mmCIF file of all heavy atoms, coordinates in Angstrom:
data_MODEL
# 
_entry.id   MODEL 
# 
loop_
_atom_site.group_PDB 
_atom_site.id 
_atom_site.type_symbol 
_atom_site.label_atom_id 
_atom_site.label_alt_id 
_atom_site.label_comp_id 
_atom_site.label_asym_id 
_atom_site.label_entity_id 
_atom_site.label_seq_id 
_atom_site.pdbx_PDB_ins_code 
_atom_site.Cartn_x 
_atom_site.Cartn_y 
_atom_site.Cartn_z 
_atom_site.occupancy 
_atom_site.B_iso_or_equiv 
_atom_site.pdbx_formal_charge 
_atom_site.auth_seq_id 
_atom_site.auth_comp_id 
_atom_site.auth_asym_id 
_atom_site.auth_atom_id 
_atom_site.pdbx_PDB_model_num 
ATOM 1   N N   . PHE A 1 1  ? 18.354  6.507   -4.547  1.00 0.00 ? 1  PHE A N   1 
ATOM 2   C CA  . PHE A 1 1  ? 17.274  6.896   -3.784  1.00 0.00 ? 1  PHE A CA  1 
ATOM 3   C C   . PHE A 1 1  ? 16.443  5.687   -3.322  1.00 0.00 ? 1  PHE A C   1 
ATOM 4   O O   . PHE A 1 1  ? 16.154  4.901   -4.127  1.00 0.00 ? 1  PHE A O   1 
ATOM 5   C CB  . PHE A 1 1  ? 16.358  7.991   -4.510  1.00 0.00 ? 1  PHE A CB  1 
ATOM 6   C CG  . PHE A 1 1  ? 15.100  8.404   -3.741  1.00 0.00 ? 1  PHE A CG  1 
ATOM 7   C CD1 . PHE A 1 1  ? 15.257  8.828   -2.425  1.00 0.00 ? 1  PHE A CD1 1 
ATOM 8   C CD2 . PHE A 1 1  ? 13.900  8.389   -4.444  1.00 0.00 ? 1  PHE A CD2 1 
ATOM 9   C CE1 . PHE A 1 1  ? 13.999  9.309   -1.800  1.00 0.00 ? 1  PHE A CE1 1 
ATOM 10  C CE2 . PHE A 1 1  ? 12.783  8.855   -3.856  1.00 0.00 ? 1  PHE A CE2 1 
ATOM 11  C CZ  . PHE A 1 1  ? 12.753  9.276   -2.513  1.00 0.00 ? 1  PHE A CZ  1 
ATOM 12  N N   . ARG A 1 2  ? 16.161  5.724   -2.062  1.00 0.00 ? 2  ARG A N   1 
ATOM 13  C CA  . ARG A 1 2  ? 15.294  4.679   -1.434  1.00 0.00 ? 2  ARG A CA  1 
ATOM 14  C C   . ARG A 1 2  ? 13.997  5.226   -0.915  1.00 0.00 ? 2  ARG A C   1 
ATOM 15  O O   . ARG A 1 2  ? 14.088  6.070   -0.092  1.00 0.00 ? 2  ARG A O   1 
ATOM 16  C CB  . ARG A 1 2  ? 16.019  3.890   -0.349  1.00 0.00 ? 2  ARG A CB  1 
ATOM 17  C CG  . ARG A 1 2  ? 15.095  2.813   0.448   1.00 0.00 ? 2  ARG A CG  1 
ATOM 18  C CD  . ARG A 1 2  ? 14.582  3.314   1.762   1.00 0.00 ? 2  ARG A CD  1 
ATOM 19  N NE  . ARG A 1 2  ? 13.342  2.635   2.175   1.00 0.00 ? 2  ARG A NE  1 
ATOM 20  C CZ  . ARG A 1 2  ? 12.946  2.567   3.482   1.00 0.00 ? 2  ARG A CZ  1 
ATOM 21  N NH1 . ARG A 1 2  ? 13.612  3.008   4.432   1.00 0.00 ? 2  ARG A NH1 1 
ATOM 22  N NH2 . ARG A 1 2  ? 11.997  1.858   3.780   1.00 0.00 ? 2  ARG A NH2 1 
ATOM 23  N N   . SER A 1 3  ? 12.875  4.592   -1.319  1.00 0.00 ? 3  SER A N   1 
ATOM 24  C CA  . SER A 1 3  ? 11.548  5.003   -0.673  1.00 0.00 ? 3  SER A CA  1 
ATOM 25  C C   . SER A 1 3  ? 10.478  4.093   -1.099  1.00 0.00 ? 3  SER A C   1 
ATOM 26  O O   . SER A 1 3  ? 10.737  3.079   -1.746  1.00 0.00 ? 3  SER A O   1 
ATOM 27  C CB  . SER A 1 3  ? 11.141  6.537   -1.016  1.00 0.00 ? 3  SER A CB  1 
ATOM 28  O OG  . SER A 1 3  ? 10.224  6.923   -0.126  1.00 0.00 ? 3  SER A OG  1 
ATOM 29  N N   . GLY A 1 4  ? 9.293   4.378   -0.759  1.00 0.00 ? 4  GLY A N   1 
ATOM 30  C CA  . GLY A 1 4  ? 8.122   3.653   -1.281  1.00 0.00 ? 4  GLY A CA  1 
ATOM 31  C C   . GLY A 1 4  ? 7.868   2.234   -0.655  1.00 0.00 ? 4  GLY A C   1 
ATOM 32  O O   . GLY A 1 4  ? 8.361   1.999   0.322   1.00 0.00 ? 4  GLY A O   1 
ATOM 33  N N   . GLY A 1 5  ? 7.173   1.473   -1.428  1.00 0.00 ? 5  GLY A N   1 
ATOM 34  C CA  . GLY A 1 5  ? 6.753   0.149   -1.042  1.00 0.00 ? 5  GLY A CA  1 
ATOM 35  C C   . GLY A 1 5  ? 5.256   -0.114  -0.980  1.00 0.00 ? 5  GLY A C   1 
ATOM 36  O O   . GLY A 1 5  ? 4.464   0.832   -1.419  1.00 0.00 ? 5  GLY A O   1 
ATOM 37  N N   . GLY A 1 6  ? 4.856   -1.291  -0.727  1.00 0.00 ? 6  GLY A N   1 
ATOM 38  C CA  . GLY A 1 6  ? 3.462   -1.602  -0.743  1.00 0.00 ? 6  GLY A CA  1 
ATOM 39  C C   . GLY A 1 6  ? 2.871   -1.375  0.508   1.00 0.00 ? 6  GLY A C   1 
ATOM 40  O O   . GLY A 1 6  ? 2.402   -2.357  1.255   1.00 0.00 ? 6  GLY A O   1 
ATOM 41  N N   . LEU A 1 7  ? 2.765   -0.153  0.849   1.00 0.00 ? 7  LEU A N   1 
ATOM 42  C CA  . LEU A 1 7  ? 2.552   0.282   2.261   1.00 0.00 ? 7  LEU A CA  1 
ATOM 43  C C   . LEU A 1 7  ? 0.950   0.533   2.446   1.00 0.00 ? 7  LEU A C   1 
ATOM 44  O O   . LEU A 1 7  ? 0.236   0.928   1.699   1.00 0.00 ? 7  LEU A O   1 
ATOM 45  C CB  . LEU A 1 7  ? 3.204   1.599   2.624   1.00 0.00 ? 7  LEU A CB  1 
ATOM 46  C CG  . LEU A 1 7  ? 4.681   1.687   2.405   1.00 0.00 ? 7  LEU A CG  1 
ATOM 47  C CD1 . LEU A 1 7  ? 5.197   3.004   2.777   1.00 0.00 ? 7  LEU A CD1 1 
ATOM 48  C CD2 . LEU A 1 7  ? 5.435   0.647   2.991   1.00 0.00 ? 7  LEU A CD2 1 
ATOM 49  N N   . THR A 1 8  ? 0.434   -0.045  3.609   1.00 0.00 ? 8  THR A N   1 
ATOM 50  C CA  . THR A 1 8  ? -0.974  0.076   3.973   1.00 0.00 ? 8  THR A CA  1 
ATOM 51  C C   . THR A 1 8  ? -1.111  -0.015  5.404   1.00 0.00 ? 8  THR A C   1 
ATOM 52  O O   . THR A 1 8  ? -0.354  -0.651  6.179   1.00 0.00 ? 8  THR A O   1 
ATOM 53  C CB  . THR A 1 8  ? -1.808  -0.987  3.262   1.00 0.00 ? 8  THR A CB  1 
ATOM 54  O OG1 . THR A 1 8  ? -3.056  -0.890  3.649   1.00 0.00 ? 8  THR A OG1 1 
ATOM 55  C CG2 . THR A 1 8  ? -1.274  -2.377  3.629   1.00 0.00 ? 8  THR A CG2 1 
ATOM 56  N N   . GLY A 1 9  ? -2.188  0.570   5.978   1.00 0.00 ? 9  GLY A N   1 
ATOM 57  C CA  . GLY A 1 9  ? -2.614  0.443   7.396   1.00 0.00 ? 9  GLY A CA  1 
ATOM 58  C C   . GLY A 1 9  ? -3.572  -0.624  7.541   1.00 0.00 ? 9  GLY A C   1 
ATOM 59  O O   . GLY A 1 9  ? -4.089  -0.814  8.751   1.00 0.00 ? 9  GLY A O   1 
ATOM 60  N N   . ALA A 1 10 ? -4.052  -1.193  6.538   1.00 0.00 ? 10 ALA A N   1 
ATOM 61  C CA  . ALA A 1 10 ? -5.104  -2.218  6.579   1.00 0.00 ? 10 ALA A CA  1 
ATOM 62  C C   . ALA A 1 10 ? -4.735  -3.410  7.458   1.00 0.00 ? 10 ALA A C   1 
ATOM 63  O O   . ALA A 1 10 ? -3.606  -3.917  7.409   1.00 0.00 ? 10 ALA A O   1 
ATOM 64  C CB  . ALA A 1 10 ? -5.536  -2.712  5.174   1.00 0.00 ? 10 ALA A CB  1 
ATOM 65  N N   . LYS A 1 11 ? -5.792  -3.961  8.148   1.00 0.00 ? 11 LYS A N   1 
ATOM 66  C CA  . LYS A 1 11 ? -5.466  -5.193  8.987   1.00 0.00 ? 11 LYS A CA  1 
ATOM 67  C C   . LYS A 1 11 ? -5.496  -6.497  8.116   1.00 0.00 ? 11 LYS A C   1 
ATOM 68  O O   . LYS A 1 11 ? -5.016  -7.566  8.588   1.00 0.00 ? 11 LYS A O   1 
ATOM 69  C CB  . LYS A 1 11 ? -6.539  -5.160  10.054  1.00 0.00 ? 11 LYS A CB  1 
ATOM 70  C CG  . LYS A 1 11 ? -6.869  -3.900  10.843  1.00 0.00 ? 11 LYS A CG  1 
ATOM 71  C CD  . LYS A 1 11 ? -5.494  -3.306  11.325  1.00 0.00 ? 11 LYS A CD  1 
ATOM 72  C CE  . LYS A 1 11 ? -5.862  -1.959  12.060  1.00 0.00 ? 11 LYS A CE  1 
ATOM 73  N NZ  . LYS A 1 11 ? -6.279  -0.843  11.103  1.00 0.00 ? 11 LYS A NZ  1 
ATOM 74  N N   . LEU A 1 12 ? -6.133  -6.355  6.939   1.00 0.00 ? 12 LEU A N   1 
ATOM 75  C CA  . LEU A 1 12 ? -6.236  -7.653  6.123   1.00 0.00 ? 12 LEU A CA  1 
ATOM 76  C C   . LEU A 1 12 ? -5.884  -7.242  4.657   1.00 0.00 ? 12 LEU A C   1 
ATOM 77  O O   . LEU A 1 12 ? -5.841  -6.033  4.318   1.00 0.00 ? 12 LEU A O   1 
ATOM 78  C CB  . LEU A 1 12 ? -7.750  -8.102  6.097   1.00 0.00 ? 12 LEU A CB  1 
ATOM 79  C CG  . LEU A 1 12 ? -8.374  -8.632  7.408   1.00 0.00 ? 12 LEU A CG  1 
ATOM 80  C CD1 . LEU A 1 12 ? -9.876  -8.760  7.213   1.00 0.00 ? 12 LEU A CD1 1 
ATOM 81  C CD2 . LEU A 1 12 ? -7.714  -9.849  7.823   1.00 0.00 ? 12 LEU A CD2 1 
ATOM 82  N N   . PRO A 1 13 ? -5.535  -8.257  3.785   1.00 0.00 ? 13 PRO A N   1 
ATOM 83  C CA  . PRO A 1 13 ? -5.209  -7.969  2.467   1.00 0.00 ? 13 PRO A CA  1 
ATOM 84  C C   . PRO A 1 13 ? -6.661  -7.617  1.717   1.00 0.00 ? 13 PRO A C   1 
ATOM 85  O O   . PRO A 1 13 ? -7.169  -8.484  0.873   1.00 0.00 ? 13 PRO A O   1 
ATOM 86  C CB  . PRO A 1 13 ? -4.562  -9.127  1.991   1.00 0.00 ? 13 PRO A CB  1 
ATOM 87  C CG  . PRO A 1 13 ? -5.063  -10.254 2.818   1.00 0.00 ? 13 PRO A CG  1 
ATOM 88  C CD  . PRO A 1 13 ? -5.323  -9.557  4.129   1.00 0.00 ? 13 PRO A CD  1 
ATOM 89  N N   . ASP A 1 14 ? -7.179  -6.473  2.039   1.00 0.00 ? 14 ASP A N   1 
ATOM 90  C CA  . ASP A 1 14 ? -8.625  -6.163  1.569   1.00 0.00 ? 14 ASP A CA  1 
ATOM 91  C C   . ASP A 1 14 ? -8.545  -5.012  0.568   1.00 0.00 ? 14 ASP A C   1 
ATOM 92  O O   . ASP A 1 14 ? -7.573  -4.675  0.057   1.00 0.00 ? 14 ASP A O   1 
ATOM 93  C CB  . ASP A 1 14 ? -9.529  -5.997  2.633   1.00 0.00 ? 14 ASP A CB  1 
ATOM 94  C CG  . ASP A 1 14 ? -9.025  -4.886  3.676   1.00 0.00 ? 14 ASP A CG  1 
ATOM 95  O OD1 . ASP A 1 14 ? -8.052  -4.136  3.308   1.00 0.00 ? 14 ASP A OD1 1 
ATOM 96  O OD2 . ASP A 1 14 ? -9.533  -4.700  4.771   1.00 0.00 ? 14 ASP A OD2 1 
ATOM 97  N N   . ALA A 1 15 ? -9.666  -4.312  0.429   1.00 0.00 ? 15 ALA A N   1 
ATOM 98  C CA  . ALA A 1 15 ? -9.802  -3.150  -0.531  1.00 0.00 ? 15 ALA A CA  1 
ATOM 99  C C   . ALA A 1 15 ? -8.989  -2.030  -0.055  1.00 0.00 ? 15 ALA A C   1 
ATOM 100 O O   . ALA A 1 15 ? -8.164  -1.405  -0.875  1.00 0.00 ? 15 ALA A O   1 
ATOM 101 C CB  . ALA A 1 15 ? -11.288 -2.796  -0.638  1.00 0.00 ? 15 ALA A CB  1 
ATOM 102 N N   . GLN A 1 16 ? -9.005  -1.829  1.180   1.00 0.00 ? 16 GLN A N   1 
ATOM 103 C CA  . GLN A 1 16 ? -8.098  -0.692  1.778   1.00 0.00 ? 16 GLN A CA  1 
ATOM 104 C C   . GLN A 1 16 ? -6.601  -1.046  1.505   1.00 0.00 ? 16 GLN A C   1 
ATOM 105 O O   . GLN A 1 16 ? -5.887  -0.049  1.078   1.00 0.00 ? 16 GLN A O   1 
ATOM 106 C CB  . GLN A 1 16 ? -8.251  -0.559  3.325   1.00 0.00 ? 16 GLN A CB  1 
ATOM 107 C CG  . GLN A 1 16 ? -7.365  0.391   3.914   1.00 0.00 ? 16 GLN A CG  1 
ATOM 108 C CD  . GLN A 1 16 ? -7.458  0.575   5.438   1.00 0.00 ? 16 GLN A CD  1 
ATOM 109 O OE1 . GLN A 1 16 ? -8.468  0.051   6.070   1.00 0.00 ? 16 GLN A OE1 1 
ATOM 110 N NE2 . GLN A 1 16 ? -6.500  1.207   6.075   1.00 0.00 ? 16 GLN A NE2 1 
ATOM 111 N N   . ALA A 1 17 ? -6.289  -2.185  1.683   1.00 0.00 ? 17 ALA A N   1 
ATOM 112 C CA  . ALA A 1 17 ? -4.860  -2.607  1.447   1.00 0.00 ? 17 ALA A CA  1 
ATOM 113 C C   . ALA A 1 17 ? -4.494  -2.363  -0.091  1.00 0.00 ? 17 ALA A C   1 
ATOM 114 O O   . ALA A 1 17 ? -3.427  -1.825  -0.470  1.00 0.00 ? 17 ALA A O   1 
ATOM 115 C CB  . ALA A 1 17 ? -4.701  -4.060  1.863   1.00 0.00 ? 17 ALA A CB  1 
ATOM 116 N N   . GLY A 1 18 ? -5.422  -2.728  -0.919  1.00 0.00 ? 18 GLY A N   1 
ATOM 117 C CA  . GLY A 1 18 ? -5.236  -2.566  -2.277  1.00 0.00 ? 18 GLY A CA  1 
ATOM 118 C C   . GLY A 1 18 ? -5.065  -1.171  -2.788  1.00 0.00 ? 18 GLY A C   1 
ATOM 119 O O   . GLY A 1 18 ? -4.214  -0.848  -3.513  1.00 0.00 ? 18 GLY A O   1 
ATOM 120 N N   . TYR A 1 19 ? -6.041  -0.316  -2.293  1.00 0.00 ? 19 TYR A N   1 
ATOM 121 C CA  . TYR A 1 19 ? -5.844  1.095   -2.638  1.00 0.00 ? 19 TYR A CA  1 
ATOM 122 C C   . TYR A 1 19 ? -4.592  1.778   -2.215  1.00 0.00 ? 19 TYR A C   1 
ATOM 123 O O   . TYR A 1 19 ? -3.983  2.509   -2.919  1.00 0.00 ? 19 TYR A O   1 
ATOM 124 C CB  . TYR A 1 19 ? -7.124  1.825   -2.006  1.00 0.00 ? 19 TYR A CB  1 
ATOM 125 C CG  . TYR A 1 19 ? -8.426  1.562   -2.728  1.00 0.00 ? 19 TYR A CG  1 
ATOM 126 C CD1 . TYR A 1 19 ? -9.568  1.278   -1.980  1.00 0.00 ? 19 TYR A CD1 1 
ATOM 127 C CD2 . TYR A 1 19 ? -8.582  1.773   -4.105  1.00 0.00 ? 19 TYR A CD2 1 
ATOM 128 C CE1 . TYR A 1 19 ? -10.777 1.052   -2.566  1.00 0.00 ? 19 TYR A CE1 1 
ATOM 129 C CE2 . TYR A 1 19 ? -9.822  1.555   -4.568  1.00 0.00 ? 19 TYR A CE2 1 
ATOM 130 C CZ  . TYR A 1 19 ? -10.929 1.206   -3.926  1.00 0.00 ? 19 TYR A CZ  1 
ATOM 131 O OH  . TYR A 1 19 ? -12.223 0.951   -4.545  1.00 0.00 ? 19 TYR A OH  1 
ATOM 132 N N   . GLU A 1 20 ? -4.297  1.508   -0.879  1.00 0.00 ? 20 GLU A N   1 
ATOM 133 C CA  . GLU A 1 20 ? -3.165  2.332   -0.262  1.00 0.00 ? 20 GLU A CA  1 
ATOM 134 C C   . GLU A 1 20 ? -1.888  1.736   -0.948  1.00 0.00 ? 20 GLU A C   1 
ATOM 135 O O   . GLU A 1 20 ? -0.928  2.464   -1.184  1.00 0.00 ? 20 GLU A O   1 
ATOM 136 C CB  . GLU A 1 20 ? -3.123  2.082   1.205   1.00 0.00 ? 20 GLU A CB  1 
ATOM 137 C CG  . GLU A 1 20 ? -4.373  2.775   1.913   1.00 0.00 ? 20 GLU A CG  1 
ATOM 138 C CD  . GLU A 1 20 ? -4.509  2.593   3.327   1.00 0.00 ? 20 GLU A CD  1 
ATOM 139 O OE1 . GLU A 1 20 ? -3.856  1.710   3.909   1.00 0.00 ? 20 GLU A OE1 1 
ATOM 140 O OE2 . GLU A 1 20 ? -5.172  3.416   4.013   1.00 0.00 ? 20 GLU A OE2 1 
ATOM 141 N N   . THR A 1 21 ? -1.888  0.351   -1.125  1.00 0.00 ? 21 THR A N   1 
ATOM 142 C CA  . THR A 1 21 ? -0.641  -0.115  -1.744  1.00 0.00 ? 21 THR A CA  1 
ATOM 143 C C   . THR A 1 21 ? -0.448  0.393   -3.228  1.00 0.00 ? 21 THR A C   1 
ATOM 144 O O   . THR A 1 21 ? 0.730   0.682   -3.472  1.00 0.00 ? 21 THR A O   1 
ATOM 145 C CB  . THR A 1 21 ? -0.802  -1.648  -1.700  1.00 0.00 ? 21 THR A CB  1 
ATOM 146 O OG1 . THR A 1 21 ? -0.749  -2.194  -0.456  1.00 0.00 ? 21 THR A OG1 1 
ATOM 147 C CG2 . THR A 1 21 ? 0.391   -2.365  -2.509  1.00 0.00 ? 21 THR A CG2 1 
ATOM 148 N N   . ALA A 1 22 ? -1.500  0.381   -3.929  1.00 0.00 ? 22 ALA A N   1 
ATOM 149 C CA  . ALA A 1 22 ? -1.326  0.965   -5.289  1.00 0.00 ? 22 ALA A CA  1 
ATOM 150 C C   . ALA A 1 22 ? -0.881  2.439   -5.314  1.00 0.00 ? 22 ALA A C   1 
ATOM 151 O O   . ALA A 1 22 ? -0.048  2.738   -6.188  1.00 0.00 ? 22 ALA A O   1 
ATOM 152 C CB  . ALA A 1 22 ? -2.658  0.881   -6.045  1.00 0.00 ? 22 ALA A CB  1 
ATOM 153 N N   . ASN A 1 23 ? -1.392  3.162   -4.387  1.00 0.00 ? 23 ASN A N   1 
ATOM 154 C CA  . ASN A 1 23 ? -0.913  4.526   -4.394  1.00 0.00 ? 23 ASN A CA  1 
ATOM 155 C C   . ASN A 1 23 ? 0.602   4.685   -3.998  1.00 0.00 ? 23 ASN A C   1 
ATOM 156 O O   . ASN A 1 23 ? 1.303   5.534   -4.646  1.00 0.00 ? 23 ASN A O   1 
ATOM 157 C CB  . ASN A 1 23 ? -1.704  5.226   -3.238  1.00 0.00 ? 23 ASN A CB  1 
ATOM 158 C CG  . ASN A 1 23 ? -3.196  5.597   -3.706  1.00 0.00 ? 23 ASN A CG  1 
ATOM 159 O OD1 . ASN A 1 23 ? -3.478  5.528   -4.782  1.00 0.00 ? 23 ASN A OD1 1 
ATOM 160 N ND2 . ASN A 1 23 ? -3.939  5.987   -2.600  1.00 0.00 ? 23 ASN A ND2 1 
ATOM 161 N N   . THR A 1 24 ? 1.078   3.830   -3.163  1.00 0.00 ? 24 THR A N   1 
ATOM 162 C CA  . THR A 1 24 ? 2.440   3.938   -2.751  1.00 0.00 ? 24 THR A CA  1 
ATOM 163 C C   . THR A 1 24 ? 3.310   3.469   -3.827  1.00 0.00 ? 24 THR A C   1 
ATOM 164 O O   . THR A 1 24 ? 4.441   3.892   -4.103  1.00 0.00 ? 24 THR A O   1 
ATOM 165 C CB  . THR A 1 24 ? 2.779   3.386   -1.321  1.00 0.00 ? 24 THR A CB  1 
ATOM 166 O OG1 . THR A 1 24 ? 2.233   1.987   -1.386  1.00 0.00 ? 24 THR A OG1 1 
ATOM 167 C CG2 . THR A 1 24 ? 2.005   4.102   -0.267  1.00 0.00 ? 24 THR A CG2 1 
ATOM 168 N N   . LEU A 1 25 ? 2.897   2.338   -4.397  1.00 0.00 ? 25 LEU A N   1 
ATOM 169 C CA  . LEU A 1 25 ? 3.839   1.711   -5.415  1.00 0.00 ? 25 LEU A CA  1 
ATOM 170 C C   . LEU A 1 25 ? 3.842   2.684   -6.692  1.00 0.00 ? 25 LEU A C   1 
ATOM 171 O O   . LEU A 1 25 ? 4.920   2.777   -7.286  1.00 0.00 ? 25 LEU A O   1 
ATOM 172 C CB  . LEU A 1 25 ? 3.109   0.321   -5.966  1.00 0.00 ? 25 LEU A CB  1 
ATOM 173 C CG  . LEU A 1 25 ? 3.264   -0.901  -4.959  1.00 0.00 ? 25 LEU A CG  1 
ATOM 174 C CD1 . LEU A 1 25 ? 2.538   -2.039  -5.484  1.00 0.00 ? 25 LEU A CD1 1 
ATOM 175 C CD2 . LEU A 1 25 ? 4.715   -1.224  -4.612  1.00 0.00 ? 25 LEU A CD2 1 
ATOM 176 N N   . ASN A 1 26 ? 2.731   3.350   -7.048  1.00 0.00 ? 26 ASN A N   1 
ATOM 177 C CA  . ASN A 1 26 ? 2.827   4.181   -8.322  1.00 0.00 ? 26 ASN A CA  1 
ATOM 178 C C   . ASN A 1 26 ? 3.634   5.357   -8.010  1.00 0.00 ? 26 ASN A C   1 
ATOM 179 O O   . ASN A 1 26 ? 4.390   5.914   -8.724  1.00 0.00 ? 26 ASN A O   1 
ATOM 180 C CB  . ASN A 1 26 ? 1.353   4.404   -8.706  1.00 0.00 ? 26 ASN A CB  1 
ATOM 181 C CG  . ASN A 1 26 ? 0.647   3.384   -9.349  1.00 0.00 ? 26 ASN A CG  1 
ATOM 182 O OD1 . ASN A 1 26 ? 1.303   2.723   -10.106 1.00 0.00 ? 26 ASN A OD1 1 
ATOM 183 N ND2 . ASN A 1 26 ? -0.597  3.236   -9.139  1.00 0.00 ? 26 ASN A ND2 1 
# 
């Protein structure tokens, strides 16, 4: 099975990027 990743819609490696990435990785 393939899915997931450190996905985010954030424009910068900022708090939004951190939250969204953590959600998809977990």
